N, C-alpha and C. Protein backbone atom coordinates (compact mmCIF):
# COMPACT_ATOMS: atom_id res chain seq x y z
N MET A 1 0.63 -1.05 0.12
CA MET A 1 0.55 0.18 -0.08
C MET A 1 0.87 1.31 -0.05
N VAL A 2 0.67 2.13 -0.64
CA VAL A 2 1.32 3.26 -0.72
C VAL A 2 1.12 4.15 0.62
N GLU A 3 1.70 4.65 1.10
CA GLU A 3 1.93 5.52 2.39
C GLU A 3 2.03 6.61 1.82
N LEU A 4 0.75 7.80 2.02
CA LEU A 4 0.63 8.88 1.67
C LEU A 4 1.08 9.84 3.08
N ILE A 5 1.64 11.34 2.65
CA ILE A 5 1.63 11.78 3.57
C ILE A 5 0.70 12.33 4.48
N LYS A 6 0.50 12.46 6.25
CA LYS A 6 -0.62 12.36 6.41
C LYS A 6 -1.11 14.44 6.76
N PRO A 7 -2.19 14.14 6.49
CA PRO A 7 -2.60 16.00 6.64
C PRO A 7 -2.22 16.46 8.08
N GLY A 8 -1.46 17.65 7.90
CA GLY A 8 -1.12 18.36 8.96
C GLY A 8 0.30 17.98 9.23
N GLU A 9 0.53 16.72 8.69
CA GLU A 9 2.11 16.75 8.78
C GLU A 9 2.90 17.67 8.31
N PRO A 10 4.00 18.12 9.21
CA PRO A 10 5.03 19.28 8.64
C PRO A 10 6.09 18.52 7.50
N ARG A 11 5.98 19.29 6.45
CA ARG A 11 6.24 19.10 5.18
C ARG A 11 8.26 19.51 5.74
N ARG A 12 9.01 18.25 4.77
CA ARG A 12 10.28 18.47 5.01
C ARG A 12 11.06 19.17 4.37
N LEU A 13 12.32 19.61 4.37
CA LEU A 13 12.85 20.65 3.66
C LEU A 13 13.23 20.00 2.26
N TYR A 14 13.29 18.80 2.02
CA TYR A 14 13.58 18.51 0.24
C TYR A 14 11.85 18.34 -0.09
N GLN A 15 10.95 18.07 0.42
CA GLN A 15 9.49 18.37 0.37
C GLN A 15 9.04 19.34 -0.34
N GLN A 16 9.27 20.44 0.57
CA GLN A 16 8.77 21.72 0.04
C GLN A 16 9.93 22.39 -1.02
N ILE A 17 11.07 22.14 -1.16
CA ILE A 17 11.73 22.20 -2.88
C ILE A 17 11.30 21.56 -3.66
N ALA A 18 10.97 20.00 -3.59
CA ALA A 18 10.28 19.52 -4.67
C ALA A 18 8.55 20.21 -5.03
N ASP A 19 8.17 20.58 -3.98
CA ASP A 19 6.90 21.48 -4.23
C ASP A 19 7.31 22.50 -4.99
N ARG A 20 8.32 23.35 -4.93
CA ARG A 20 8.49 24.60 -5.47
C ARG A 20 8.76 24.02 -7.23
N VAL A 21 10.12 23.11 -7.09
CA VAL A 21 9.98 22.74 -8.67
C VAL A 21 8.83 22.50 -9.32
N ARG A 22 8.11 21.42 -8.72
CA ARG A 22 7.05 20.92 -9.33
C ARG A 22 5.75 22.34 -9.84
N ALA A 23 5.62 23.26 -8.70
CA ALA A 23 4.89 24.20 -9.16
C ALA A 23 5.67 24.94 -10.30
N MET A 24 6.98 25.18 -10.28
CA MET A 24 7.56 25.88 -11.56
C MET A 24 7.24 25.16 -12.97
N ILE A 25 7.28 23.56 -12.87
CA ILE A 25 7.04 23.37 -13.94
C ILE A 25 5.52 23.21 -14.56
N HIS A 26 4.43 23.29 -13.43
CA HIS A 26 2.98 23.31 -13.74
C HIS A 26 3.04 24.92 -14.15
N ASP A 27 3.58 25.91 -14.39
CA ASP A 27 3.42 27.32 -14.02
C ASP A 27 4.53 27.37 -15.68
N PHE A 28 4.95 26.24 -16.50
CA PHE A 28 5.70 26.12 -17.41
C PHE A 28 6.82 27.38 -17.21
N GLU A 29 7.33 27.74 -16.07
CA GLU A 29 8.75 27.85 -16.12
C GLU A 29 9.79 27.07 -16.74
N PHE A 30 9.59 25.66 -16.63
CA PHE A 30 10.40 24.75 -17.26
C PHE A 30 9.38 23.85 -17.60
N GLN A 31 9.69 23.72 -19.44
CA GLN A 31 9.02 23.14 -20.23
C GLN A 31 9.05 21.39 -20.15
N PRO A 32 7.95 20.86 -20.29
CA PRO A 32 8.08 18.96 -20.32
C PRO A 32 9.03 18.82 -21.70
N GLY A 33 9.79 17.98 -21.24
CA GLY A 33 10.53 17.67 -22.50
C GLY A 33 11.93 18.54 -22.23
N THR A 34 12.22 19.61 -21.47
CA THR A 34 13.90 20.25 -21.33
C THR A 34 14.01 19.91 -20.14
N ARG A 35 15.76 20.09 -20.26
CA ARG A 35 16.59 20.05 -19.38
C ARG A 35 16.16 20.97 -18.29
N LEU A 36 16.33 20.73 -16.79
CA LEU A 36 16.40 21.72 -15.78
C LEU A 36 17.99 21.81 -15.74
N PRO A 37 18.10 23.54 -15.38
CA PRO A 37 19.22 23.72 -15.22
C PRO A 37 19.99 23.00 -14.05
N ALA A 38 21.65 23.44 -14.15
CA ALA A 38 22.52 22.25 -13.79
C ALA A 38 22.24 22.27 -12.12
N GLU A 39 22.56 21.15 -11.17
CA GLU A 39 22.49 21.45 -10.17
C GLU A 39 22.64 22.82 -9.14
N ARG A 40 24.15 23.02 -9.35
CA ARG A 40 24.26 24.16 -8.50
C ARG A 40 23.62 25.51 -9.12
N GLU A 41 23.41 25.41 -10.36
CA GLU A 41 22.68 26.73 -10.77
C GLU A 41 21.10 26.95 -10.28
N LEU A 42 20.62 25.48 -10.26
CA LEU A 42 19.04 25.56 -9.58
C LEU A 42 19.01 25.79 -7.93
N ALA A 43 20.10 25.27 -7.53
CA ALA A 43 20.37 25.41 -6.06
C ALA A 43 20.19 27.04 -5.55
N GLN A 44 21.20 27.53 -6.53
CA GLN A 44 21.50 28.92 -6.16
C GLN A 44 20.21 29.80 -6.83
N GLN A 45 19.38 28.99 -7.88
CA GLN A 45 18.29 30.33 -8.06
C GLN A 45 17.26 30.15 -7.06
N LEU A 46 17.55 28.94 -6.01
CA LEU A 46 16.11 28.76 -5.37
C LEU A 46 16.53 29.04 -3.66
N GLY A 47 17.81 29.35 -3.82
CA GLY A 47 18.36 29.97 -2.50
C GLY A 47 18.67 28.51 -1.52
N VAL A 48 18.98 27.19 -2.14
CA VAL A 48 18.85 26.13 -1.13
C VAL A 48 20.31 25.35 -1.08
N SER A 49 20.61 24.52 -0.03
CA SER A 49 21.91 23.73 -0.50
C SER A 49 21.79 22.87 -1.58
N ARG A 50 22.71 22.30 -2.15
CA ARG A 50 22.94 21.47 -3.09
C ARG A 50 22.24 19.52 -2.57
N PRO A 51 22.86 19.30 -1.34
CA PRO A 51 22.24 18.24 -1.02
C PRO A 51 20.81 18.04 -0.84
N SER A 52 20.26 19.58 -0.27
CA SER A 52 18.43 19.10 0.16
C SER A 52 18.08 19.35 -1.63
N LEU A 53 18.77 20.28 -2.49
CA LEU A 53 18.05 19.96 -3.76
C LEU A 53 18.12 18.61 -4.59
N ARG A 54 19.32 17.85 -4.47
CA ARG A 54 19.54 16.71 -4.95
C ARG A 54 18.18 15.92 -4.44
N GLU A 55 17.95 16.08 -2.76
CA GLU A 55 16.84 14.91 -2.41
C GLU A 55 15.82 15.26 -3.17
N ALA A 56 15.52 16.39 -2.94
CA ALA A 56 13.91 16.97 -4.21
C ALA A 56 14.32 16.28 -5.35
N LEU A 57 15.08 16.68 -6.00
CA LEU A 57 15.45 16.29 -7.21
C LEU A 57 14.92 14.42 -7.62
N ILE A 58 15.67 13.73 -6.60
CA ILE A 58 15.53 12.28 -6.26
C ILE A 58 13.28 11.90 -6.27
N ALA A 59 13.49 12.81 -5.11
CA ALA A 59 11.70 12.65 -4.90
C ALA A 59 10.44 12.90 -6.33
N LEU A 60 11.13 13.63 -7.11
CA LEU A 60 10.61 14.23 -8.02
C LEU A 60 10.78 12.94 -9.19
N GLU A 61 12.08 12.60 -9.23
CA GLU A 61 12.22 11.21 -9.93
C GLU A 61 11.02 10.13 -9.78
N ILE A 62 11.32 9.86 -8.42
CA ILE A 62 10.45 8.72 -7.96
C ILE A 62 9.30 9.12 -8.31
N ASP A 63 8.38 10.14 -8.24
CA ASP A 63 7.08 10.45 -8.46
C ASP A 63 6.66 10.73 -9.84
N GLY A 64 7.72 10.48 -10.60
CA GLY A 64 7.73 10.54 -12.21
C GLY A 64 7.86 12.23 -12.76
N THR A 65 7.84 13.00 -12.05
CA THR A 65 7.67 14.55 -12.69
C THR A 65 9.03 15.06 -13.61
N VAL A 66 10.05 14.29 -13.09
CA VAL A 66 11.40 14.14 -13.79
C VAL A 66 11.91 12.99 -13.84
N GLU A 67 12.93 12.72 -15.23
CA GLU A 67 13.45 11.91 -15.16
C GLU A 67 15.36 11.95 -15.29
N VAL A 68 15.93 11.27 -15.00
CA VAL A 68 17.25 11.56 -14.94
C VAL A 68 17.87 10.93 -16.35
N ARG A 69 18.76 11.28 -17.24
CA ARG A 69 19.53 10.97 -18.45
C ARG A 69 20.59 11.10 -18.11
N MET A 70 21.43 9.66 -17.54
CA MET A 70 22.92 9.49 -17.84
C MET A 70 23.64 10.09 -18.27
N GLY A 71 24.48 10.80 -18.48
CA GLY A 71 25.58 11.73 -18.85
C GLY A 71 24.81 13.03 -19.44
N SER A 72 23.48 13.63 -19.30
CA SER A 72 23.19 14.16 -20.24
C SER A 72 22.64 15.20 -19.08
N GLY A 73 21.55 14.65 -18.30
CA GLY A 73 21.35 15.78 -16.93
C GLY A 73 19.69 15.37 -16.79
N ILE A 74 18.81 16.36 -16.19
CA ILE A 74 17.47 16.17 -15.59
C ILE A 74 16.18 16.95 -16.71
N TYR A 75 15.58 15.98 -16.57
CA TYR A 75 14.71 16.74 -17.62
C TYR A 75 13.31 16.66 -17.13
N VAL A 76 12.82 17.37 -17.35
CA VAL A 76 10.73 17.84 -17.27
C VAL A 76 10.45 16.48 -17.98
N SER A 77 9.49 15.27 -16.90
CA SER A 77 8.89 14.31 -18.20
C SER A 77 8.33 14.90 -19.09
N VAL A 78 8.21 14.24 -20.15
CA VAL A 78 6.88 14.57 -21.22
C VAL A 78 5.62 14.28 -20.68
N ASP A 79 5.38 13.22 -20.30
CA ASP A 79 4.25 12.96 -19.45
C ASP A 79 3.92 13.24 -18.15
N ILE A 80 3.57 14.30 -17.85
CA ILE A 80 3.71 14.57 -16.08
C ILE A 80 2.03 14.63 -15.81
N ALA A 81 1.32 14.29 -16.59
CA ALA A 81 -0.16 14.32 -15.83
C ALA A 81 -0.10 12.71 -14.87
N GLY A 82 -0.70 13.23 -13.99
CA GLY A 82 -0.87 12.44 -12.99
C GLY A 82 -0.08 12.59 -11.70
N THR A 83 1.15 13.59 -12.06
CA THR A 83 1.67 13.72 -10.87
C THR A 83 1.49 14.80 -10.00
N GLU A 84 -0.12 15.26 -10.27
CA GLU A 84 -0.97 16.21 -9.05
C GLU A 84 -1.42 15.14 -7.93
N ALA A 85 -0.84 14.00 -7.80
CA ALA A 85 -1.56 13.01 -6.90
C ALA A 85 -0.83 13.11 -5.73
N PRO A 86 -1.25 12.92 -4.20
CA PRO A 86 -1.00 13.44 -3.11
C PRO A 86 0.49 12.78 -3.34
N PRO A 87 1.73 13.33 -2.59
CA PRO A 87 2.79 12.84 -2.62
C PRO A 87 2.90 11.60 -1.85
N ARG A 88 3.91 10.65 -1.93
CA ARG A 88 4.07 9.92 -1.15
C ARG A 88 5.40 9.82 0.06
N TRP A 89 5.20 9.28 1.34
CA TRP A 89 6.25 9.30 2.18
C TRP A 89 7.50 8.71 1.52
N LEU A 90 8.26 9.16 1.58
CA LEU A 90 9.34 8.75 1.01
C LEU A 90 11.15 8.40 2.04
N GLY A 91 10.22 8.95 3.01
CA GLY A 91 11.06 8.75 4.34
C GLY A 91 12.25 10.44 5.14
N GLU A 92 12.82 10.02 5.72
CA GLU A 92 13.41 11.20 6.53
C GLU A 92 14.65 12.00 5.49
N SER A 93 15.05 12.96 5.60
CA SER A 93 16.03 13.56 4.81
C SER A 93 17.22 12.62 5.20
N PRO A 94 17.82 11.92 3.65
CA PRO A 94 19.10 11.10 4.07
C PRO A 94 20.26 12.33 4.81
N ALA A 95 20.46 13.62 4.56
CA ALA A 95 21.17 14.58 5.16
C ALA A 95 21.00 14.67 6.40
N GLU A 96 19.82 14.67 7.02
CA GLU A 96 19.78 14.58 8.34
C GLU A 96 19.80 13.70 8.94
N ILE A 97 19.40 12.86 8.57
CA ILE A 97 19.71 11.25 8.93
C ILE A 97 21.02 11.14 9.09
N MET A 98 22.27 11.42 8.23
CA MET A 98 23.51 11.51 8.61
C MET A 98 24.16 12.52 9.72
N GLN A 99 23.52 13.74 9.94
CA GLN A 99 24.01 14.68 10.43
C GLN A 99 23.27 14.31 11.83
N ALA A 100 22.56 13.38 12.04
CA ALA A 100 21.94 12.73 13.43
C ALA A 100 23.08 11.88 13.66
N ARG A 101 23.23 11.17 13.00
CA ARG A 101 24.22 9.82 13.04
C ARG A 101 25.66 10.39 13.49
N ILE A 102 26.14 11.34 13.01
CA ILE A 102 27.34 11.92 13.27
C ILE A 102 27.49 12.74 14.49
N THR A 103 26.25 13.29 14.90
CA THR A 103 25.99 13.69 16.52
C THR A 103 26.16 12.65 17.26
N ILE A 104 25.20 11.50 17.03
CA ILE A 104 24.97 10.41 18.09
C ILE A 104 25.97 9.67 18.07
N GLU A 105 26.29 9.16 16.93
CA GLU A 105 27.44 7.70 17.20
C GLU A 105 28.92 8.55 17.48
N GLY A 106 29.32 9.51 17.22
CA GLY A 106 30.52 10.03 17.80
C GLY A 106 30.55 9.81 19.37
N GLY A 107 29.60 10.15 19.77
CA GLY A 107 29.64 10.35 21.40
C GLY A 107 29.47 8.63 21.82
N VAL A 108 28.58 7.63 21.16
CA VAL A 108 28.62 6.28 21.17
C VAL A 108 30.19 5.73 21.13
N ALA A 109 30.53 6.25 20.23
CA ALA A 109 31.88 5.45 19.89
C ALA A 109 32.78 6.18 21.19
N ALA A 110 33.14 7.31 21.87
CA ALA A 110 33.79 7.63 22.65
C ALA A 110 33.33 6.88 24.22
N MET A 111 32.14 6.47 24.25
CA MET A 111 31.60 5.87 25.62
C MET A 111 31.97 4.52 25.46
N ALA A 112 31.54 4.00 24.08
CA ALA A 112 31.99 2.45 24.09
C ALA A 112 33.48 2.20 24.34
N SER A 113 34.21 3.19 23.70
CA SER A 113 35.80 2.85 24.11
C SER A 113 36.35 2.52 25.29
N ALA A 114 35.59 3.61 26.37
CA ALA A 114 35.74 3.24 27.75
C ALA A 114 35.50 2.00 28.36
N ARG A 115 34.65 1.16 27.50
CA ARG A 115 33.68 -0.05 28.14
C ARG A 115 34.27 -1.17 27.26
N MET A 116 35.29 -1.04 26.23
CA MET A 116 35.42 -1.94 25.27
C MET A 116 35.97 -3.14 25.95
N THR A 117 35.64 -4.41 25.18
CA THR A 117 36.22 -5.78 25.85
C THR A 117 36.86 -6.40 24.68
N LYS A 118 37.68 -7.44 24.75
CA LYS A 118 38.25 -8.33 23.66
C LYS A 118 37.35 -9.06 23.16
N GLU A 119 36.23 -9.22 23.70
CA GLU A 119 35.06 -9.99 22.92
C GLU A 119 34.58 -9.31 21.68
N THR A 120 34.07 -8.07 22.13
CA THR A 120 33.61 -7.20 21.36
C THR A 120 34.59 -6.70 19.82
N ILE A 121 35.72 -6.28 20.59
CA ILE A 121 36.94 -6.22 20.00
C ILE A 121 37.12 -7.45 18.27
N GLY A 122 36.52 -8.59 19.13
CA GLY A 122 37.22 -10.00 18.24
C GLY A 122 35.86 -9.79 17.15
N ALA A 123 34.67 -9.09 17.79
CA ALA A 123 33.44 -9.50 16.92
C ALA A 123 33.23 -8.27 15.86
N LEU A 124 33.91 -7.15 16.36
CA LEU A 124 34.25 -6.13 15.21
C LEU A 124 35.06 -6.28 14.11
N ARG A 125 36.20 -7.14 14.39
CA ARG A 125 36.98 -7.31 13.65
C ARG A 125 36.72 -8.59 12.47
N THR A 126 36.02 -9.27 13.17
CA THR A 126 35.36 -10.41 12.46
C THR A 126 34.46 -9.60 11.35
N THR A 127 33.03 -8.84 11.71
CA THR A 127 32.45 -8.11 10.77
C THR A 127 33.40 -7.34 9.87
N LEU A 128 34.34 -6.65 10.68
CA LEU A 128 35.23 -6.05 9.26
C LEU A 128 35.86 -6.87 8.19
N GLU A 129 36.41 -7.72 8.85
CA GLU A 129 36.91 -8.79 7.59
C GLU A 129 35.46 -9.31 6.50
N VAL A 130 34.29 -9.60 7.35
CA VAL A 130 33.66 -9.98 5.94
C VAL A 130 33.16 -8.84 5.30
N MET A 131 32.96 -7.50 5.67
CA MET A 131 33.02 -6.47 4.74
C MET A 131 34.13 -6.34 4.14
N GLY A 132 35.36 -6.07 4.40
CA GLY A 132 36.48 -6.47 3.38
C GLY A 132 36.50 -7.13 2.24
N ALA A 133 36.18 -8.81 2.87
CA ALA A 133 36.10 -9.61 1.53
C ALA A 133 34.52 -9.11 0.54
N GLN A 134 33.79 -8.66 1.17
CA GLN A 134 32.39 -8.25 -0.04
C GLN A 134 32.95 -7.29 -0.74
N SER A 135 33.54 -6.20 -0.07
CA SER A 135 33.99 -5.12 -0.76
C SER A 135 34.99 -5.55 -1.84
N GLU A 136 35.95 -6.47 -1.84
CA GLU A 136 36.83 -6.63 -2.75
C GLU A 136 36.16 -7.64 -3.84
N ALA A 137 34.88 -8.01 -3.56
CA ALA A 137 34.33 -9.17 -4.62
C ALA A 137 33.20 -8.30 -5.31
N GLY A 138 33.29 -7.03 -5.19
CA GLY A 138 32.70 -6.00 -5.50
C GLY A 138 31.10 -6.12 -4.83
N GLN A 139 30.62 -6.51 -3.63
CA GLN A 139 29.38 -6.82 -3.17
C GLN A 139 29.63 -5.75 -2.17
N ARG A 140 27.84 -4.90 -2.06
CA ARG A 140 27.66 -4.24 -0.82
C ARG A 140 27.63 -5.22 0.26
N SER A 141 27.85 -4.54 1.57
CA SER A 141 28.26 -5.17 2.65
C SER A 141 26.93 -4.58 3.53
N VAL A 142 25.94 -4.45 3.10
CA VAL A 142 24.88 -3.43 4.34
C VAL A 142 24.99 -4.07 5.51
N GLU A 143 24.78 -5.54 5.75
CA GLU A 143 24.39 -5.97 6.75
C GLU A 143 25.31 -6.18 7.60
N GLN A 144 26.80 -6.29 7.27
CA GLN A 144 27.83 -6.40 8.09
C GLN A 144 27.78 -4.85 8.41
N ASP A 145 27.82 -3.75 7.77
CA ASP A 145 27.76 -2.26 8.14
C ASP A 145 27.06 -2.16 9.43
N ARG A 146 25.26 -2.48 8.91
CA ARG A 146 24.72 -2.53 10.28
C ARG A 146 25.44 -3.17 11.52
N GLN A 147 25.73 -4.42 11.31
CA GLN A 147 26.47 -5.15 12.53
C GLN A 147 27.30 -4.35 13.26
N PHE A 148 28.48 -4.24 12.53
CA PHE A 148 29.53 -3.39 12.90
C PHE A 148 28.93 -2.19 14.22
N HIS A 149 28.05 -1.45 13.37
CA HIS A 149 27.56 0.10 14.50
C HIS A 149 26.62 -0.77 15.62
N VAL A 150 25.86 -1.81 15.31
CA VAL A 150 24.85 -2.10 16.76
C VAL A 150 25.65 -2.81 17.37
N LEU A 151 26.92 -3.62 17.09
CA LEU A 151 27.85 -4.22 17.93
C LEU A 151 28.65 -3.07 19.10
N LEU A 152 28.98 -1.92 18.14
CA LEU A 152 29.40 -0.88 19.01
C LEU A 152 28.59 -0.29 19.71
N VAL A 153 27.62 0.24 19.54
CA VAL A 153 26.52 0.89 20.62
C VAL A 153 26.30 -0.21 21.74
N ALA A 154 26.00 -1.37 21.20
CA ALA A 154 25.63 -2.55 22.48
C ALA A 154 26.77 -2.09 23.50
N GLN A 155 27.85 -1.82 23.33
CA GLN A 155 28.99 -2.02 24.41
C GLN A 155 28.48 -0.87 25.48
N CYS A 156 27.71 0.24 24.72
CA CYS A 156 27.44 1.15 26.05
C CYS A 156 26.48 0.69 27.35
N GLY A 157 26.09 -0.61 26.66
CA GLY A 157 24.84 -0.77 27.77
C GLY A 157 23.89 -0.14 27.87
N ASN A 158 23.13 1.08 26.71
CA ASN A 158 22.16 2.04 26.66
C ASN A 158 21.54 1.16 26.04
N ALA A 159 19.89 0.88 26.21
CA ALA A 159 19.01 0.38 25.29
C ALA A 159 18.54 1.32 24.78
N ILE A 160 18.59 2.67 25.16
CA ILE A 160 17.56 3.75 24.13
C ILE A 160 18.98 3.91 22.92
N LEU A 161 20.14 4.18 23.48
CA LEU A 161 20.84 4.47 22.12
C LEU A 161 21.30 3.60 21.04
N THR A 162 21.08 2.39 21.62
CA THR A 162 20.71 0.96 20.76
C THR A 162 19.80 1.13 19.69
N ARG A 163 18.38 1.74 20.63
CA ARG A 163 17.58 1.64 19.42
C ARG A 163 17.41 2.48 18.59
N ILE A 164 18.10 3.78 18.63
CA ILE A 164 18.01 4.98 18.12
C ILE A 164 19.36 4.81 17.06
N VAL A 165 20.39 4.31 17.27
CA VAL A 165 21.25 3.88 16.15
C VAL A 165 20.79 2.88 15.09
N GLY A 166 20.14 1.95 15.47
CA GLY A 166 19.65 0.82 14.82
C GLY A 166 18.35 1.63 14.18
N GLU A 167 17.61 2.44 14.64
CA GLU A 167 16.50 2.85 13.59
C GLU A 167 17.26 3.79 12.57
N LEU A 168 18.36 4.54 13.01
CA LEU A 168 18.83 5.40 11.99
C LEU A 168 19.72 4.69 10.83
N PHE A 169 20.10 3.80 11.05
CA PHE A 169 20.83 3.07 10.04
C PHE A 169 20.19 2.90 9.39
N ASP A 170 18.64 1.72 9.80
CA ASP A 170 17.78 1.64 8.87
C ASP A 170 16.86 2.35 8.28
N GLU A 171 16.94 3.89 8.29
CA GLU A 171 16.32 4.89 7.68
C GLU A 171 17.36 4.58 5.97
N ARG A 172 18.18 4.36 5.93
CA ARG A 172 19.09 4.21 4.91
C ARG A 172 18.10 3.17 3.52
N HIS A 173 17.36 2.21 3.92
CA HIS A 173 16.41 1.69 3.53
C HIS A 173 15.10 2.27 2.72
N ASN A 174 14.71 3.87 3.44
CA ASN A 174 13.71 4.59 2.82
C ASN A 174 13.69 4.95 1.74
N PRO A 175 12.65 4.85 0.72
CA PRO A 175 12.93 5.17 -0.82
C PRO A 175 13.69 6.51 -1.10
N LEU A 176 13.88 7.21 -0.56
CA LEU A 176 14.51 8.63 -1.01
C LEU A 176 16.04 7.84 -0.60
N SER A 177 16.57 7.09 0.33
CA SER A 177 17.85 7.18 0.88
C SER A 177 18.26 5.47 -0.03
N SER A 178 16.85 4.83 -0.56
CA SER A 178 17.69 3.65 -1.17
C SER A 178 17.93 4.05 -2.87
N LYS A 179 17.51 5.17 -3.21
CA LYS A 179 17.52 5.58 -4.74
C LYS A 179 18.73 6.55 -4.28
N LEU A 180 19.36 7.32 -3.50
CA LEU A 180 20.35 8.30 -3.42
C LEU A 180 21.75 7.51 -3.17
N ARG A 181 21.68 5.98 -2.20
CA ARG A 181 22.53 5.14 -2.09
C ARG A 181 22.88 4.71 -3.09
N GLY A 182 21.89 3.98 -4.06
CA GLY A 182 21.81 3.17 -5.45
C GLY A 182 22.87 3.84 -6.46
N ILE A 183 22.70 5.28 -6.41
CA ILE A 183 23.77 6.13 -7.29
C ILE A 183 24.88 6.36 -7.14
N ALA A 184 25.17 6.44 -5.62
CA ALA A 184 26.20 6.99 -4.86
C ALA A 184 27.11 5.83 -4.72
N GLU A 185 26.46 4.77 -4.07
CA GLU A 185 27.64 3.54 -4.00
C GLU A 185 27.98 2.71 -4.79
N THR A 186 29.49 2.50 -4.57
CA THR A 186 30.31 1.60 -5.26
C THR A 186 31.20 0.80 -4.82
N ALA A 187 31.87 -0.13 -5.53
CA ALA A 187 32.95 -1.02 -4.95
C ALA A 187 33.84 0.11 -4.26
N GLU A 188 34.35 1.03 -5.38
CA GLU A 188 35.25 1.73 -4.83
C GLU A 188 34.89 2.88 -3.12
N THR A 189 33.61 2.97 -3.23
CA THR A 189 33.30 3.55 -1.76
C THR A 189 32.90 2.84 -0.90
N TRP A 190 32.47 1.44 -1.06
CA TRP A 190 32.77 0.83 -0.06
C TRP A 190 34.31 0.21 0.58
N ARG A 191 35.05 0.35 -0.53
CA ARG A 191 36.63 -0.18 0.08
C ARG A 191 37.00 0.99 1.11
N ALA A 192 36.61 2.50 0.81
CA ALA A 192 36.88 3.54 1.44
C ALA A 192 36.14 3.35 2.97
N ALA A 193 34.94 2.96 3.03
CA ALA A 193 34.01 2.57 4.24
C ALA A 193 34.83 1.44 5.24
N VAL A 194 35.11 0.58 4.65
CA VAL A 194 36.20 -0.58 5.15
C VAL A 194 37.30 0.18 5.96
N ALA A 195 38.14 0.95 4.81
CA ALA A 195 39.25 1.60 5.75
C ALA A 195 38.85 2.39 7.18
N GLU A 196 37.71 2.83 7.00
CA GLU A 196 37.33 4.00 7.61
C GLU A 196 36.65 3.39 9.24
N HIS A 197 36.11 2.04 8.88
CA HIS A 197 35.65 1.29 9.86
C HIS A 197 37.16 0.36 10.55
N GLU A 198 37.91 0.57 9.95
CA GLU A 198 39.37 -0.32 10.41
C GLU A 198 40.07 0.95 11.32
N ALA A 199 40.01 2.13 10.98
CA ALA A 199 40.41 3.47 11.94
C ALA A 199 39.54 3.26 13.48
N ILE A 200 38.68 3.14 13.24
CA ILE A 200 37.54 3.10 14.14
C ILE A 200 37.96 1.88 15.55
N VAL A 201 38.20 0.88 15.03
CA VAL A 201 38.56 -0.30 15.43
C VAL A 201 40.06 -0.15 16.36
N LEU A 202 40.54 0.56 15.41
CA LEU A 202 42.03 0.88 16.24
C LEU A 202 41.87 1.86 17.60
N ALA A 203 40.80 2.74 17.04
CA ALA A 203 41.29 3.67 18.35
C ALA A 203 40.18 3.10 19.24
N LEU A 204 39.35 1.93 19.46
CA LEU A 204 38.99 1.53 19.95
C LEU A 204 39.68 0.52 20.66
N GLU A 205 40.41 -0.09 20.45
CA GLU A 205 42.01 -0.95 20.79
C GLU A 205 42.52 -0.22 21.71
N ALA A 206 42.82 1.03 21.67
CA ALA A 206 43.62 1.92 21.84
C ALA A 206 43.03 2.74 23.20
N ARG A 207 41.67 1.86 23.29
CA ARG A 207 41.21 2.77 24.55
C ARG A 207 41.00 4.17 24.46
N ASP A 208 41.16 4.83 23.42
CA ASP A 208 41.17 6.29 23.29
C ASP A 208 39.75 6.69 23.12
N PRO A 209 39.03 7.25 23.65
CA PRO A 209 37.71 8.00 23.14
C PRO A 209 37.70 9.04 22.49
N LEU A 210 38.43 10.25 22.58
CA LEU A 210 38.44 11.24 21.52
C LEU A 210 39.15 10.71 20.16
N LEU A 211 39.87 9.64 19.97
CA LEU A 211 40.40 9.56 19.26
C LEU A 211 39.27 8.68 18.29
N ALA A 212 38.20 7.68 19.05
CA ALA A 212 37.41 7.21 18.57
C ALA A 212 36.38 7.51 18.24
N GLU A 213 36.05 9.10 18.95
CA GLU A 213 35.02 9.81 18.84
C GLU A 213 35.36 10.35 17.41
N ALA A 214 36.59 11.08 17.12
CA ALA A 214 37.10 11.64 15.84
C ALA A 214 36.93 10.85 14.30
N ALA A 215 37.32 9.59 14.67
CA ALA A 215 37.35 8.37 13.85
C ALA A 215 35.89 8.35 13.58
N MET A 216 34.43 7.72 14.33
CA MET A 216 33.22 7.86 14.01
C MET A 216 32.61 8.85 13.18
N ARG A 217 33.00 10.23 13.76
CA ARG A 217 32.75 11.38 12.92
C ARG A 217 33.11 11.64 11.56
N MET A 218 34.43 11.11 11.39
CA MET A 218 35.16 10.92 10.04
C MET A 218 34.38 10.36 8.79
N HIS A 219 34.27 9.30 9.51
CA HIS A 219 34.15 8.15 8.47
C HIS A 219 32.50 8.60 8.26
N LEU A 220 31.44 8.88 8.89
CA LEU A 220 30.32 9.51 8.89
C LEU A 220 29.94 10.81 7.82
N LYS A 221 30.79 11.61 8.38
CA LYS A 221 31.12 12.78 7.44
C LYS A 221 31.58 12.25 5.90
N ALA A 222 32.50 11.64 5.82
CA ALA A 222 32.74 11.12 4.42
C ALA A 222 31.80 10.34 3.80
N SER A 223 31.03 9.63 4.83
CA SER A 223 29.92 8.59 3.94
C SER A 223 29.03 9.87 3.43
N THR A 224 28.51 11.05 4.12
CA THR A 224 28.11 11.67 3.47
C THR A 224 28.30 12.38 2.22
N GLU A 225 29.31 12.86 2.70
CA GLU A 225 30.19 13.30 1.25
C GLU A 225 29.81 12.57 -0.20
N ARG A 226 30.08 11.33 0.26
CA ARG A 226 30.15 10.27 -1.00
C ARG A 226 28.85 10.11 -1.72
N TRP A 227 27.78 10.38 -0.38
CA TRP A 227 26.71 10.19 -1.03
C TRP A 227 25.70 11.47 -1.79
N PHE A 228 26.54 12.63 -1.46
CA PHE A 228 26.31 13.56 -2.19
C PHE A 228 27.15 14.04 -3.05
N GLY A 229 28.04 13.73 -3.23
CA GLY A 229 29.36 14.27 -3.99
C GLY A 229 29.75 15.89 -3.73
N ILE A 230 29.98 16.14 -2.35
CA ILE A 230 30.28 17.19 -2.07
C ILE A 230 32.04 17.37 -1.50
């Protein structure tokens, strides 16, 4: 069943931007079949950040208002009839999710470093080895990635933090995040992520909370940059 946005629910920023672009299309500022301005130019025109605009454009692609032509650009769909239907709920903003993860999981890494055990280090290393093998085989390692972060937060002994970290990670499966990571994630980006996880483990082994926090923040910031190409 398609989940529609509930009446009265606050519109996320990417939804507001998508509404503005959609209105411009229906007012014929952008004609059907024509290419939209370059992302940087359109972001400046609308006075928004490029990550927020990118999320909005993905939302418009999902609902059929625009189409992406690889190597050419983003075009207004020739047939946009039917895009007046109530928008689907596409999930939280990927940029905001990553911002929340940076804030929360940096602190989690610092807290966990002081409570780290040999058993948990061993489990993290085993998970990391599987991630490395999968990335070298050109495979995505989403489940192992999740397990790594959940193992780490579990060491804090705080059920609320464990739930929050798991829920934030699982937002990567919402329609908006899934589309974004499908574009951005490659074998190369996964190899980079494995190296960043290795730095986190080294900091945890050193029982250095500041280094562990810095390594986690660096990893999640780098992930955000890879997703949004910034």
